[in-house]
Amino acid sequence: MVIEASGGGPRRVAVVGAGLAGIVCAERLTQAGLSVRLLDKGRGAGGRMSTRRIQTPLGEACFDHGATSFTAQDPVFRQYVEDWIRRGLAAPWPEAGPGAIVGLPTMNAPLKALAEGLNVEWSAQVMGLTRGASGWMLDILGRDTGSEGPFDVVVLAIPPEQASTLLARHAFDLAVYAAMAQSDAVWSTMVVFDGRVPLDAGRLGGCETLTLAVRETSKPGRSGPEAWTLQATGPWSRRNLGATSDEVAARMIAALTQRFEAPAPQVLALQAHRWRYARPARATSGPIWRERVGLGLCGDWVAGEGVEAAWRSGVRLADRITGRAHGAFEQDVATPAAS
């Protein structure tokens, strides 16, 4: 079903945010025949499925410093991911446990492939929404022209705290829902050593500082120097939310090296990244679509937590916008088009 504007042409949709939820929503709306514009403040696709690259004397190191892996439990999402695997965009990672999957050669590879078929603008931060007689106008920071539109529909595929600010003047119930759905922050640290670390990767039980330590080169398709991604626990991240990245990196690497049974190799590179909106602080269930004003929400925070929840939320919202029966995605999700 194609939604048509009063002039008879396909409706224009703006999707704000190019993480998995936003990209999948934009892809599905495009497949339905709508004219879709995808905007993101970053320089490329990913969201929390991003990859950071760091140059070292031993070569380039790559870090999946947000989502380190994911699983596919839903049968339809599993079919979607199997298509990624067939196309060489993802691979199983048995070392991380049953069903663990990573992007190939980096976590953001599937999203980059999906984005290639969409009308995307990078480095475009949406600062505000204005609704007039002809539709929605987006106030955009990051390019010469400060606004774009009109659009019939705006999808916000961004963290709830950011969405609430944009929604406040236009859809009070959506704004309140987003404001109530708070996010937890998480610190990640990326470290490169000049030799192999005497430690097995995995979850670090009993550690106040670290919850996860991942040897990036243990993932399929990875190479390069000894690179590790460390993720802090939620309580520790909250207590150190205002610390500098240098302070956090030093404390997190110290917590890791305390576990070594042998002297620590030399550190060649060390960076910390604060994910201010890393994961939903609590389960949420509320409105995602207001047809009367043409505003919608998607993201893992409206459907659970993690990569699969982000995918599910993007598909569900797209189906609401195009008028498909709610839940139809469970039987009717097309796999991504080949690039």
C-alpha atoms as a PDB file:
ATOM      1  CA  MET A   1       0.000   0.000   0.000  1.00  0.00           C
ATOM      2  CA  VAL A   2       1.403   3.399  -0.998  1.00  0.00           C
ATOM      3  CA  ILE A   3       0.236   6.417   0.961  1.00  0.00           C
ATOM      4  CA  GLU A   4      -0.494   9.310  -1.361  1.00  0.00           C
ATOM      5  CA  ALA A   5      -0.553  13.016  -0.635  1.00  0.00           C
ATOM      6  CA  SER A   6      -3.458  15.170  -1.732  1.00  0.00           C
ATOM      7  CA  GLY A   7      -1.645  15.894  -5.001  1.00  0.00           C
ATOM      8  CA  GLY A   8      -1.679  12.192  -5.910  1.00  0.00           C
ATOM      9  CA  GLY A   9       2.069  11.569  -5.702  1.00  0.00           C
ATOM     10  CA  PRO A  10       3.900   9.388  -3.176  1.00  0.00           C
ATOM     11  CA  ARG A  11       4.241  10.923   0.249  1.00  0.00           C
ATOM     12  CA  ARG A  12       7.596  12.246   1.356  1.00  0.00           C
ATOM     13  CA  VAL A  13       9.018  10.811   4.558  1.00  0.00           C
ATOM     14  CA  ALA A  14      12.002  12.072   6.557  1.00  0.00           C
ATOM     15  CA  VAL A  15      13.746   9.510   8.760  1.00  0.00           C
ATOM     16  CA  VAL A  16      16.053  11.038  11.358  1.00  0.00           C
ATOM     17  CA  GLY A  17      18.776   8.667  12.540  1.00  0.00           C
ATOM     18  CA  ALA A  18      20.712   6.038  10.551  1.00  0.00           C
ATOM     19  CA  GLY A  19      21.191   3.309  13.095  1.00  0.00           C
ATOM     20  CA  LEU A  20      19.637  -0.051  12.300  1.00  0.00           C
ATOM     21  CA  ALA A  21      16.099   1.022  13.276  1.00  0.00           C
ATOM     22  CA  GLY A  22      16.133   4.097  11.053  1.00  0.00           C
ATOM     23  CA  ILE A  23      17.777   2.362   8.097  1.00  0.00           C
ATOM     24  CA  VAL A  24      15.400  -0.618   8.197  1.00  0.00           C
ATOM     25  CA  CYS A  25      12.385   1.688   8.508  1.00  0.00           C
ATOM     26  CA  ALA A  26      13.618   3.786   5.562  1.00  0.00           C
ATOM     27  CA  GLU A  27      14.325   0.659   3.517  1.00  0.00           C
ATOM     28  CA  ARG A  28      10.865  -0.784   4.106  1.00  0.00           C
ATOM     29  CA  LEU A  29       9.115   2.518   3.361  1.00  0.00           C
ATOM     30  CA  THR A  30      11.122   2.840   0.150  1.00  0.00           C
ATOM     31  CA  GLN A  31      10.151  -0.693  -0.858  1.00  0.00           C
ATOM     32  CA  ALA A  32       6.502   0.341  -0.332  1.00  0.00           C
ATOM     33  CA  GLY A  33       6.920   3.128  -2.886  1.00  0.00           C
ATOM     34  CA  LEU A  34       7.285   6.149  -0.623  1.00  0.00           C
ATOM     35  CA  SER A  35       9.839   8.904  -1.196  1.00  0.00           C
ATOM     36  CA  VAL A  36      12.180   8.659   1.786  1.00  0.00           C
ATOM     37  CA  ARG A  37      14.936  10.991   2.947  1.00  0.00           C
ATOM     38  CA  LEU A  38      17.306   9.642   5.627  1.00  0.00           C
ATOM     39  CA  LEU A  39      19.361  12.107   7.694  1.00  0.00           C
ATOM     40  CA  ASP A  40      22.011  11.449  10.317  1.00  0.00           C
ATOM     41  CA  LYS A  41      24.348  13.690  12.284  1.00  0.00           C
ATOM     42  CA  GLY A  42      27.214  11.215  11.926  1.00  0.00           C
ATOM     43  CA  ARG A  43      29.550  10.589   9.012  1.00  0.00           C
ATOM     44  CA  GLY A  44      28.222   7.127   8.257  1.00  0.00           C
ATOM     45  CA  ALA A  45      25.765   4.401   9.169  1.00  0.00           C
ATOM     46  CA  GLY A  46      25.930   2.560  12.422  1.00  0.00           C
ATOM     47  CA  GLY A  47      24.539   4.104  15.578  1.00  0.00           C
ATOM     48  CA  ARG A  48      25.600   1.675  18.295  1.00  0.00           C
ATOM     49  CA  MET A  49      26.614  -0.751  15.529  1.00  0.00           C
ATOM     50  CA  SER A  50      29.457   1.625  14.673  1.00  0.00           C
ATOM     51  CA  THR A  51      33.105   0.725  14.187  1.00  0.00           C
ATOM     52  CA  ARG A  52      36.053   2.855  15.339  1.00  0.00           C
ATOM     53  CA  ARG A  53      39.388   2.633  13.497  1.00  0.00           C
ATOM     54  CA  ILE A  54      42.667   3.556  15.183  1.00  0.00           C
ATOM     55  CA  GLN A  55      46.078   3.715  13.527  1.00  0.00           C
ATOM     56  CA  THR A  56      48.981   2.195  15.481  1.00  0.00           C
ATOM     57  CA  PRO A  57      52.676   1.420  14.782  1.00  0.00           C
ATOM     58  CA  LEU A  58      51.582  -2.192  14.154  1.00  0.00           C
ATOM     59  CA  GLY A  59      48.809  -1.278  11.724  1.00  0.00           C
ATOM     60  CA  GLU A  60      45.166  -0.319  11.859  1.00  0.00           C
ATOM     61  CA  ALA A  61      42.971  -1.657  14.649  1.00  0.00           C
ATOM     62  CA  CYS A  62      39.165  -1.834  14.357  1.00  0.00           C
ATOM     63  CA  PHE A  63      36.769  -1.809  17.294  1.00  0.00           C
ATOM     64  CA  ASP A  64      33.079  -2.654  17.450  1.00  0.00           C
ATOM     65  CA  HIS A  65      32.866  -0.399  20.477  1.00  0.00           C
ATOM     66  CA  GLY A  66      29.062  -0.300  20.797  1.00  0.00           C
ATOM     67  CA  ALA A  67      27.310  -3.551  19.985  1.00  0.00           C
ATOM     68  CA  THR A  68      30.114  -6.114  20.169  1.00  0.00           C
ATOM     69  CA  SER A  69      27.871  -8.888  18.776  1.00  0.00           C
ATOM     70  CA  PHE A  70      24.191  -9.755  18.454  1.00  0.00           C
ATOM     71  CA  THR A  71      21.831 -12.699  18.168  1.00  0.00           C
ATOM     72  CA  ALA A  72      18.811 -13.422  15.953  1.00  0.00           C
ATOM     73  CA  GLN A  73      16.044 -15.115  17.927  1.00  0.00           C
ATOM     74  CA  ASP A  74      12.994 -14.067  15.900  1.00  0.00           C
ATOM     75  CA  PRO A  75      12.577 -16.429  12.904  1.00  0.00           C
ATOM     76  CA  VAL A  76      12.041 -13.557  10.470  1.00  0.00           C
ATOM     77  CA  PHE A  77      15.002 -11.560  11.745  1.00  0.00           C
ATOM     78  CA  ARG A  78      17.062 -14.745  11.544  1.00  0.00           C
ATOM     79  CA  GLN A  79      16.092 -15.035   7.875  1.00  0.00           C
ATOM     80  CA  TYR A  80      17.108 -11.395   7.373  1.00  0.00           C
ATOM     81  CA  VAL A  81      20.497 -12.007   9.041  1.00  0.00           C
ATOM     82  CA  GLU A  82      21.059 -15.206   7.078  1.00  0.00           C
ATOM     83  CA  ASP A  83      20.846 -13.092   3.947  1.00  0.00           C
ATOM     84  CA  TRP A  84      23.584 -10.871   5.385  1.00  0.00           C
ATOM     85  CA  ILE A  85      25.682 -13.986   6.005  1.00  0.00           C
ATOM     86  CA  ARG A  86      25.150 -15.274   2.458  1.00  0.00           C
ATOM     87  CA  ARG A  87      26.264 -11.900   1.101  1.00  0.00           C
ATOM     88  CA  GLY A  88      29.397 -11.858   3.258  1.00  0.00           C
ATOM     89  CA  LEU A  89      28.134  -8.970   5.432  1.00  0.00           C
ATOM     90  CA  ALA A  90      27.972 -10.967   8.687  1.00  0.00           C
ATOM     91  CA  ALA A  91      29.281 -14.189  10.188  1.00  0.00           C
ATOM     92  CA  PRO A  92      28.734 -16.385  13.245  1.00  0.00           C
ATOM     93  CA  TRP A  93      31.148 -15.843  16.123  1.00  0.00           C
ATOM     94  CA  PRO A  94      31.115 -19.118  18.104  1.00  0.00           C
ATOM     95  CA  GLU A  95      33.681 -17.899  20.648  1.00  0.00           C
ATOM     96  CA  ALA A  96      31.117 -15.432  22.014  1.00  0.00           C
ATOM     97  CA  GLY A  97      28.529 -18.139  22.655  1.00  0.00           C
ATOM     98  CA  PRO A  98      25.720 -19.946  20.836  1.00  0.00           C
ATOM     99  CA  GLY A  99      24.078 -17.824  18.160  1.00  0.00           C
ATOM    100  CA  ALA A 100      26.463 -14.856  18.403  1.00  0.00           C
ATOM    101  CA  ILE A 101      26.866 -12.946  15.132  1.00  0.00           C
ATOM    102  CA  VAL A 102      29.057 -10.029  14.039  1.00  0.00           C
ATOM    103  CA  GLY A 103      29.155  -7.792  10.995  1.00  0.00           C
ATOM    104  CA  LEU A 104      31.829  -8.644   8.431  1.00  0.00           C
ATOM    105  CA  PRO A 105      34.451  -7.266   8.115  1.00  0.00           C
ATOM    106  CA  THR A 106      33.194  -4.814  10.775  1.00  0.00           C
ATOM    107  CA  MET A 107      29.965  -4.474  12.730  1.00  0.00           C
ATOM    108  CA  ASN A 108      28.613  -1.622  10.624  1.00  0.00           C
ATOM    109  CA  ALA A 109      29.080  -3.473   7.289  1.00  0.00           C
ATOM    110  CA  PRO A 110      25.420  -4.606   6.958  1.00  0.00           C
ATOM    111  CA  LEU A 111      24.170  -1.079   7.679  1.00  0.00           C
ATOM    112  CA  LYS A 112      26.551   0.461   5.151  1.00  0.00           C
ATOM    113  CA  ALA A 113      25.265  -1.958   2.514  1.00  0.00           C
ATOM    114  CA  LEU A 114      21.628  -1.129   3.329  1.00  0.00           C
ATOM    115  CA  ALA A 115      22.308   2.606   3.257  1.00  0.00           C
ATOM    116  CA  GLU A 116      23.781   2.418  -0.257  1.00  0.00           C
ATOM    117  CA  GLY A 117      20.311   1.952  -1.686  1.00  0.00           C
ATOM    118  CA  LEU A 118      18.742   4.859   0.212  1.00  0.00           C
ATOM    119  CA  ASN A 119      18.598   8.627  -0.167  1.00  0.00           C
ATOM    120  CA  VAL A 120      20.897   9.580   2.733  1.00  0.00           C
ATOM    121  CA  GLU A 121      22.561  12.757   3.931  1.00  0.00           C
ATOM    122  CA  TRP A 122      25.341  12.443   6.508  1.00  0.00           C
ATOM    123  CA  SER A 123      26.601  15.140   8.901  1.00  0.00           C
ATOM    124  CA  ALA A 124      23.094  16.617   9.021  1.00  0.00           C
ATOM    125  CA  GLN A 125      21.850  17.154  12.565  1.00  0.00           C
ATOM    126  CA  VAL A 126      18.134  17.885  12.901  1.00  0.00           C
ATOM    127  CA  MET A 127      17.721  20.617  15.507  1.00  0.00           C
ATOM    128  CA  GLY A 128      13.977  21.265  15.267  1.00  0.00           C
ATOM    129  CA  LEU A 129      10.682  20.523  13.533  1.00  0.00           C
ATOM    130  CA  THR A 130       8.156  23.021  12.173  1.00  0.00           C
ATOM    131  CA  ARG A 131       4.744  22.031  10.858  1.00  0.00           C
ATOM    132  CA  GLY A 132       2.966  24.216   8.325  1.00  0.00           C
ATOM    133  CA  ALA A 133       0.165  23.933   5.807  1.00  0.00           C
ATOM    134  CA  SER A 134       2.376  22.079   3.329  1.00  0.00           C
ATOM    135  CA  GLY A 135       3.868  19.673   5.868  1.00  0.00           C
ATOM    136  CA  TRP A 136       6.933  19.297   8.071  1.00  0.00           C
ATOM    137  CA  MET A 137      10.099  21.361   7.721  1.00  0.00           C
ATOM    138  CA  LEU A 138      13.314  20.164   9.368  1.00  0.00           C
ATOM    139  CA  ASP A 139      15.807  22.641  10.806  1.00  0.00           C
ATOM    140  CA  ILE A 140      19.211  21.164  10.021  1.00  0.00           C
ATOM    141  CA  LEU A 141      22.657  21.994  11.342  1.00  0.00           C
ATOM    142  CA  GLY A 142      25.640  21.005   9.274  1.00  0.00           C
ATOM    143  CA  ARG A 143      25.081  22.369   5.783  1.00  0.00           C
ATOM    144  CA  ASP A 144      24.538  25.627   3.920  1.00  0.00           C
ATOM    145  CA  THR A 145      20.737  25.472   3.714  1.00  0.00           C
ATOM    146  CA  GLY A 146      19.273  25.433   7.190  1.00  0.00           C
ATOM    147  CA  SER A 147      16.006  23.605   6.498  1.00  0.00           C
ATOM    148  CA  GLU A 148      14.533  20.871   4.334  1.00  0.00           C
ATOM    149  CA  GLY A 149      11.002  19.870   3.417  1.00  0.00           C
ATOM    150  CA  PRO A 150       8.128  19.772   3.245  1.00  0.00           C
ATOM    151  CA  PHE A 151       7.575  16.202   4.429  1.00  0.00           C
ATOM    152  CA  ASP A 152       4.272  14.503   5.122  1.00  0.00           C
ATOM    153  CA  VAL A 153       5.782  12.184   7.724  1.00  0.00           C
ATOM    154  CA  VAL A 154       8.745  12.440  10.100  1.00  0.00           C
ATOM    155  CA  VAL A 155      10.244   9.355  11.752  1.00  0.00           C
ATOM    156  CA  LEU A 156      12.547   9.863  14.731  1.00  0.00           C
ATOM    157  CA  ALA A 157      14.936   6.915  15.022  1.00  0.00           C
ATOM    158  CA  ILE A 158      17.016   8.519  17.774  1.00  0.00           C
ATOM    159  CA  PRO A 159      17.389   8.109  21.550  1.00  0.00           C
ATOM    160  CA  PRO A 160      14.279   8.981  23.580  1.00  0.00           C
ATOM    161  CA  GLU A 161      15.841  11.991  25.288  1.00  0.00           C
ATOM    162  CA  GLN A 162      16.598  13.571  21.910  1.00  0.00           C
ATOM    163  CA  ALA A 163      13.226  12.606  20.446  1.00  0.00           C
ATOM    164  CA  SER A 164      11.299  14.124  23.354  1.00  0.00           C
ATOM    165  CA  THR A 165      12.815  17.539  22.725  1.00  0.00           C
ATOM    166  CA  LEU A 166      11.807  17.522  19.055  1.00  0.00           C
ATOM    167  CA  LEU A 167       8.312  16.200  19.776  1.00  0.00           C
ATOM    168  CA  ALA A 168       7.318  18.478  22.636  1.00  0.00           C
ATOM    169  CA  ARG A 169       5.503  21.094  20.539  1.00  0.00           C
ATOM    170  CA  HIS A 170       3.770  18.693  18.182  1.00  0.00           C
ATOM    171  CA  ALA A 171       2.736  15.359  19.764  1.00  0.00           C
ATOM    172  CA  PHE A 172       2.438  15.593  23.520  1.00  0.00           C
ATOM    173  CA  ASP A 173       1.756  11.899  24.143  1.00  0.00           C
ATOM    174  CA  LEU A 174       4.760  10.811  22.096  1.00  0.00           C
ATOM    175  CA  ALA A 175       6.934  13.403  23.830  1.00  0.00           C
ATOM    176  CA  VAL A 176       5.853  12.227  27.294  1.00  0.00           C
ATOM    177  CA  TYR A 177       6.401   8.597  26.351  1.00  0.00           C
ATOM    178  CA  ALA A 178       9.885   9.379  25.072  1.00  0.00           C
ATOM    179  CA  ALA A 179      10.692  11.473  28.156  1.00  0.00           C
ATOM    180  CA  MET A 180       9.753   8.570  30.437  1.00  0.00           C
ATOM    181  CA  ALA A 181      11.917   6.098  28.505  1.00  0.00           C
ATOM    182  CA  GLN A 182      15.280   7.033  29.944  1.00  0.00           C
ATOM    183  CA  SER A 183      18.594   5.631  28.745  1.00  0.00           C
ATOM    184  CA  ASP A 184      21.568   4.256  30.620  1.00  0.00           C
ATOM    185  CA  ALA A 185      25.033   5.518  29.739  1.00  0.00           C
ATOM    186  CA  VAL A 186      27.945   3.145  29.191  1.00  0.00           C
ATOM    187  CA  TRP A 187      31.647   3.822  28.862  1.00  0.00           C
ATOM    188  CA  SER A 188      33.647   1.805  26.315  1.00  0.00           C
ATOM    189  CA  THR A 189      37.422   1.783  26.082  1.00  0.00           C
ATOM    190  CA  MET A 190      39.478   0.685  23.089  1.00  0.00           C
ATOM    191  CA  VAL A 191      43.027  -0.474  23.699  1.00  0.00           C
ATOM    192  CA  VAL A 192      45.787  -1.839  21.455  1.00  0.00           C
ATOM    193  CA  PHE A 193      48.685  -3.852  22.900  1.00  0.00           C
ATOM    194  CA  ASP A 194      52.020  -4.708  21.315  1.00  0.00           C
ATOM    195  CA  GLY A 195      51.569  -8.394  22.150  1.00  0.00           C
ATOM    196  CA  ARG A 196      48.994 -11.008  23.033  1.00  0.00           C
ATOM    197  CA  VAL A 197      47.097 -10.454  26.267  1.00  0.00           C
ATOM    198  CA  PRO A 198      47.129 -13.402  28.731  1.00  0.00           C
ATOM    199  CA  LEU A 199      43.368 -13.415  29.200  1.00  0.00           C
ATOM    200  CA  ASP A 200      40.327 -15.034  27.646  1.00  0.00           C
ATOM    201  CA  ALA A 201      37.701 -12.678  26.290  1.00  0.00           C
ATOM    202  CA  GLY A 202      34.201 -12.643  27.714  1.00  0.00           C
ATOM    203  CA  ARG A 203      32.050 -11.318  30.502  1.00  0.00           C
ATOM    204  CA  LEU A 204      33.958 -10.398  33.632  1.00  0.00           C
ATOM    205  CA  GLY A 205      31.965 -11.586  36.605  1.00  0.00           C
ATOM    206  CA  GLY A 206      32.694 -10.024  39.966  1.00  0.00           C
ATOM    207  CA  CYS A 207      34.346  -6.902  38.554  1.00  0.00           C
ATOM    208  CA  GLU A 208      32.979  -3.573  39.752  1.00  0.00           C
ATOM    209  CA  THR A 209      34.399  -1.671  36.769  1.00  0.00           C
ATOM    210  CA  LEU A 210      34.183  -3.946  33.728  1.00  0.00           C
ATOM    211  CA  THR A 211      31.348  -6.105  32.505  1.00  0.00           C
ATOM    212  CA  LEU A 212      32.830  -7.185  29.178  1.00  0.00           C
ATOM    213  CA  ALA A 213      36.248  -7.554  27.550  1.00  0.00           C
ATOM    214  CA  VAL A 214      36.385  -8.479  23.853  1.00  0.00           C
ATOM    215  CA  ARG A 215      39.437  -9.457  21.823  1.00  0.00           C
ATOM    216  CA  GLU A 216      38.500  -7.926  18.491  1.00  0.00           C
ATOM    217  CA  THR A 217      40.917 -10.096  16.519  1.00  0.00           C
ATOM    218  CA  SER A 218      39.085 -13.231  17.727  1.00  0.00           C
ATOM    219  CA  LYS A 219      36.123 -12.263  15.534  1.00  0.00           C
ATOM    220  CA  PRO A 220      35.772 -13.732  12.030  1.00  0.00           C
ATOM    221  CA  GLY A 221      37.375 -11.679   9.297  1.00  0.00           C
ATOM    222  CA  ARG A 222      39.398  -9.533  11.710  1.00  0.00           C
ATOM    223  CA  SER A 223      43.137  -9.022  11.569  1.00  0.00           C
ATOM    224  CA  GLY A 224      45.686  -6.539  12.812  1.00  0.00           C
ATOM    225  CA  PRO A 225      47.282  -5.898  16.202  1.00  0.00           C
ATOM    226  CA  GLU A 226      46.035  -7.130  19.567  1.00  0.00           C
ATOM    227  CA  ALA A 227      42.939  -4.954  19.977  1.00  0.00           C
ATOM    228  CA  TRP A 228      40.450  -5.108  22.852  1.00  0.00           C
ATOM    229  CA  THR A 229      37.119  -3.401  23.523  1.00  0.00           C
ATOM    230  CA  LEU A 230      36.239  -2.973  27.181  1.00  0.00           C
ATOM    231  CA  GLN A 231      32.754  -2.085  28.418  1.00  0.00           C
ATOM    232  CA  ALA A 232      32.075  -0.738  31.885  1.00  0.00           C
ATOM    233  CA  THR A 233      29.248  -1.812  34.142  1.00  0.00           C
ATOM    234  CA  GLY A 234      26.152   0.363  34.320  1.00  0.00           C
ATOM    235  CA  PRO A 235      26.676   1.499  37.942  1.00  0.00           C
ATOM    236  CA  TRP A 236      30.340   2.356  37.308  1.00  0.00           C
ATOM    237  CA  SER A 237      29.431   4.251  34.117  1.00  0.00           C
ATOM    238  CA  ARG A 238      26.807   6.288  35.987  1.00  0.00           C
ATOM    239  CA  ARG A 239      29.233   7.169  38.778  1.00  0.00           C
ATOM    240  CA  ASN A 240      31.870   8.262  36.240  1.00  0.00           C
ATOM    241  CA  LEU A 241      29.556   9.940  33.761  1.00  0.00           C
ATOM    242  CA  GLY A 242      31.288  13.303  34.156  1.00  0.00           C
ATOM    243  CA  ALA A 243      34.864  12.010  34.111  1.00  0.00           C
ATOM    244  CA  THR A 244      37.154  12.785  31.187  1.00  0.00           C
ATOM    245  CA  SER A 245      37.785  10.144  28.556  1.00  0.00           C
ATOM    246  CA  ASP A 246      41.449   9.958  29.589  1.00  0.00           C
ATOM    247  CA  GLU A 247      40.514   9.316  33.217  1.00  0.00           C
ATOM    248  CA  VAL A 248      38.026   6.641  32.253  1.00  0.00           C
ATOM    249  CA  ALA A 249      40.425   4.890  29.876  1.00  0.00           C
ATOM    250  CA  ALA A 250      43.135   4.743  32.543  1.00  0.00           C
ATOM    251  CA  ARG A 251      40.774   3.286  35.157  1.00  0.00           C
ATOM    252  CA  MET A 252      39.291   0.711  32.792  1.00  0.00           C
ATOM    253  CA  ILE A 253      42.654  -0.513  31.503  1.00  0.00           C
ATOM    254  CA  ALA A 254      43.859  -0.790  35.098  1.00  0.00           C
ATOM    255  CA  ALA A 255      40.850  -2.968  35.929  1.00  0.00           C
ATOM    256  CA  LEU A 256      41.712  -5.233  32.994  1.00  0.00           C
ATOM    257  CA  THR A 257      45.434  -5.590  33.647  1.00  0.00           C
ATOM    258  CA  GLN A 258      44.765  -6.529  37.275  1.00  0.00           C
ATOM    259  CA  ARG A 259      43.483  -9.821  35.893  1.00  0.00           C
ATOM    260  CA  PHE A 260      46.649 -10.647  33.972  1.00  0.00           C
ATOM    261  CA  GLU A 261      48.721 -13.529  35.299  1.00  0.00           C
ATOM    262  CA  ALA A 262      51.786 -12.238  33.442  1.00  0.00           C
ATOM    263  CA  PRO A 263      53.219  -8.758  32.889  1.00  0.00           C
ATOM    264  CA  ALA A 264      50.994  -6.618  30.686  1.00  0.00           C
ATOM    265  CA  PRO A 265      52.118  -5.953  27.116  1.00  0.00           C
ATOM    266  CA  GLN A 266      52.846  -2.356  26.190  1.00  0.00           C
ATOM    267  CA  VAL A 267      49.824  -0.221  25.362  1.00  0.00           C
ATOM    268  CA  LEU A 268      50.102   1.282  21.860  1.00  0.00           C
ATOM    269  CA  ALA A 269      46.762   3.104  21.720  1.00  0.00           C
ATOM    270  CA  LEU A 270      44.062   3.883  24.236  1.00  0.00           C
ATOM    271  CA  GLN A 271      40.740   5.694  23.742  1.00  0.00           C
ATOM    272  CA  ALA A 272      37.486   5.865  25.682  1.00  0.00           C
ATOM    273  CA  HIS A 273      34.044   6.616  24.281  1.00  0.00           C
ATOM    274  CA  ARG A 274      30.960   7.529  26.306  1.00  0.00           C
ATOM    275  CA  TRP A 275      27.727   6.145  24.923  1.00  0.00           C
ATOM    276  CA  ARG A 276      25.394   8.648  26.535  1.00  0.00           C
ATOM    277  CA  TYR A 277      22.307   6.754  25.361  1.00  0.00           C
ATOM    278  CA  ALA A 278      23.641   3.217  25.350  1.00  0.00           C
ATOM    279  CA  ARG A 279      20.655   1.099  26.319  1.00  0.00           C
ATOM    280  CA  PRO A 280      17.107   1.451  27.641  1.00  0.00           C
ATOM    281  CA  ALA A 281      17.065   1.912  31.393  1.00  0.00           C
ATOM    282  CA  ARG A 282      13.757   0.043  31.649  1.00  0.00           C
ATOM    283  CA  ALA A 283      11.250  -1.769  29.487  1.00  0.00           C
ATOM    284  CA  THR A 284       8.819   0.539  27.689  1.00  0.00           C
ATOM    285  CA  SER A 285       5.548   0.086  25.869  1.00  0.00           C
ATOM    286  CA  GLY A 286       3.707   3.036  24.444  1.00  0.00           C
ATOM    287  CA  PRO A 287       2.652   4.907  21.306  1.00  0.00           C
ATOM    288  CA  ILE A 288       4.942   4.901  18.296  1.00  0.00           C
ATOM    289  CA  TRP A 289       2.808   6.513  15.574  1.00  0.00           C
ATOM    290  CA  ARG A 290       0.492   9.506  15.354  1.00  0.00           C
ATOM    291  CA  GLU A 291      -1.131   9.446  11.936  1.00  0.00           C
ATOM    292  CA  ARG A 292      -2.993  12.728  12.441  1.00  0.00           C
ATOM    293  CA  VAL A 293       0.255  14.712  12.633  1.00  0.00           C
ATOM    294  CA  GLY A 294       2.509  12.303  10.749  1.00  0.00           C
ATOM    295  CA  LEU A 295       5.046  11.581  13.493  1.00  0.00           C
ATOM    296  CA  GLY A 296       6.570   8.224  14.442  1.00  0.00           C
ATOM    297  CA  LEU A 297       9.178   6.735  16.761  1.00  0.00           C
ATOM    298  CA  CYS A 298      11.478   3.748  16.399  1.00  0.00           C
ATOM    299  CA  GLY A 299      14.607   2.439  18.070  1.00  0.00           C
ATOM    300  CA  ASP A 300      15.477  -0.459  20.311  1.00  0.00           C
ATOM    301  CA  TRP A 301      14.053   1.448  23.293  1.00  0.00           C
ATOM    302  CA  VAL A 302      10.491   1.070  21.947  1.00  0.00           C
ATOM    303  CA  ALA A 303      10.826  -2.687  21.380  1.00  0.00           C
ATOM    304  CA  GLY A 304      13.253  -4.043  23.978  1.00  0.00           C
ATOM    305  CA  GLU A 305      17.035  -3.772  23.877  1.00  0.00           C
ATOM    306  CA  GLY A 306      19.750  -4.491  21.359  1.00  0.00           C
ATOM    307  CA  VAL A 307      20.163  -5.048  17.639  1.00  0.00           C
ATOM    308  CA  GLU A 308      17.172  -7.322  17.105  1.00  0.00           C
ATOM    309  CA  ALA A 309      14.857  -4.949  18.992  1.00  0.00           C
ATOM    310  CA  ALA A 310      16.067  -2.048  16.828  1.00  0.00           C
ATOM    311  CA  TRP A 311      15.296  -3.998  13.655  1.00  0.00           C
ATOM    312  CA  ARG A 312      11.862  -5.010  14.944  1.00  0.00           C
ATOM    313  CA  SER A 313      10.940  -1.444  15.857  1.00  0.00           C
ATOM    314  CA  GLY A 314      11.888  -0.094  12.433  1.00  0.00           C
ATOM    315  CA  VAL A 315       9.820  -2.699  10.632  1.00  0.00           C
ATOM    316  CA  ARG A 316       6.799  -2.239  12.883  1.00  0.00           C
ATOM    317  CA  LEU A 317       6.744   1.512  12.443  1.00  0.00           C
ATOM    318  CA  ALA A 318       7.110   1.259   8.664  1.00  0.00           C
ATOM    319  CA  ASP A 319       4.150  -1.114   8.583  1.00  0.00           C
ATOM    320  CA  ARG A 320       2.057   1.260  10.668  1.00  0.00           C
ATOM    321  CA  ILE A 321       2.854   4.144   8.330  1.00  0.00           C
ATOM    322  CA  THR A 322       2.029   2.167   5.183  1.00  0.00           C
ATOM    323  CA  GLY A 323      -1.179   0.795   6.677  1.00  0.00           C
ATOM    324  CA  ARG A 324      -0.180  -2.842   6.913  1.00  0.00           C
ATOM    325  CA  ALA A 325      -1.804  -4.837   9.687  1.00  0.00           C
ATOM    326  CA  HIS A 326       0.150  -4.524  12.935  1.00  0.00           C
ATOM    327  CA  GLY A 327       2.353  -7.572  13.311  1.00  0.00           C
ATOM    328  CA  ALA A 328       2.276  -8.430   9.618  1.00  0.00           C
ATOM    329  CA  PHE A 329       6.052  -8.146   9.543  1.00  0.00           C
ATOM    330  CA  GLU A 330       6.230 -11.511  11.286  1.00  0.00           C
ATOM    331  CA  GLN A 331       5.187 -13.188   8.042  1.00  0.00           C
ATOM    332  CA  ASP A 332       6.107 -10.584   5.444  1.00  0.00           C
ATOM    333  CA  VAL A 333       9.537  -9.010   5.769  1.00  0.00           C
ATOM    334  CA  ALA A 334      11.579  -8.903   2.596  1.00  0.00           C
ATOM    335  CA  THR A 335      15.261  -9.631   2.943  1.00  0.00           C
ATOM    336  CA  PRO A 336      17.565  -6.714   2.063  1.00  0.00           C
ATOM    337  CA  ALA A 337      18.062  -6.131  -1.624  1.00  0.00           C
ATOM    338  CA  ALA A 338      21.403  -7.247  -3.009  1.00  0.00           C
ATOM    339  CA  SER A 339      23.875  -4.430  -3.460  1.00  0.00           C
END
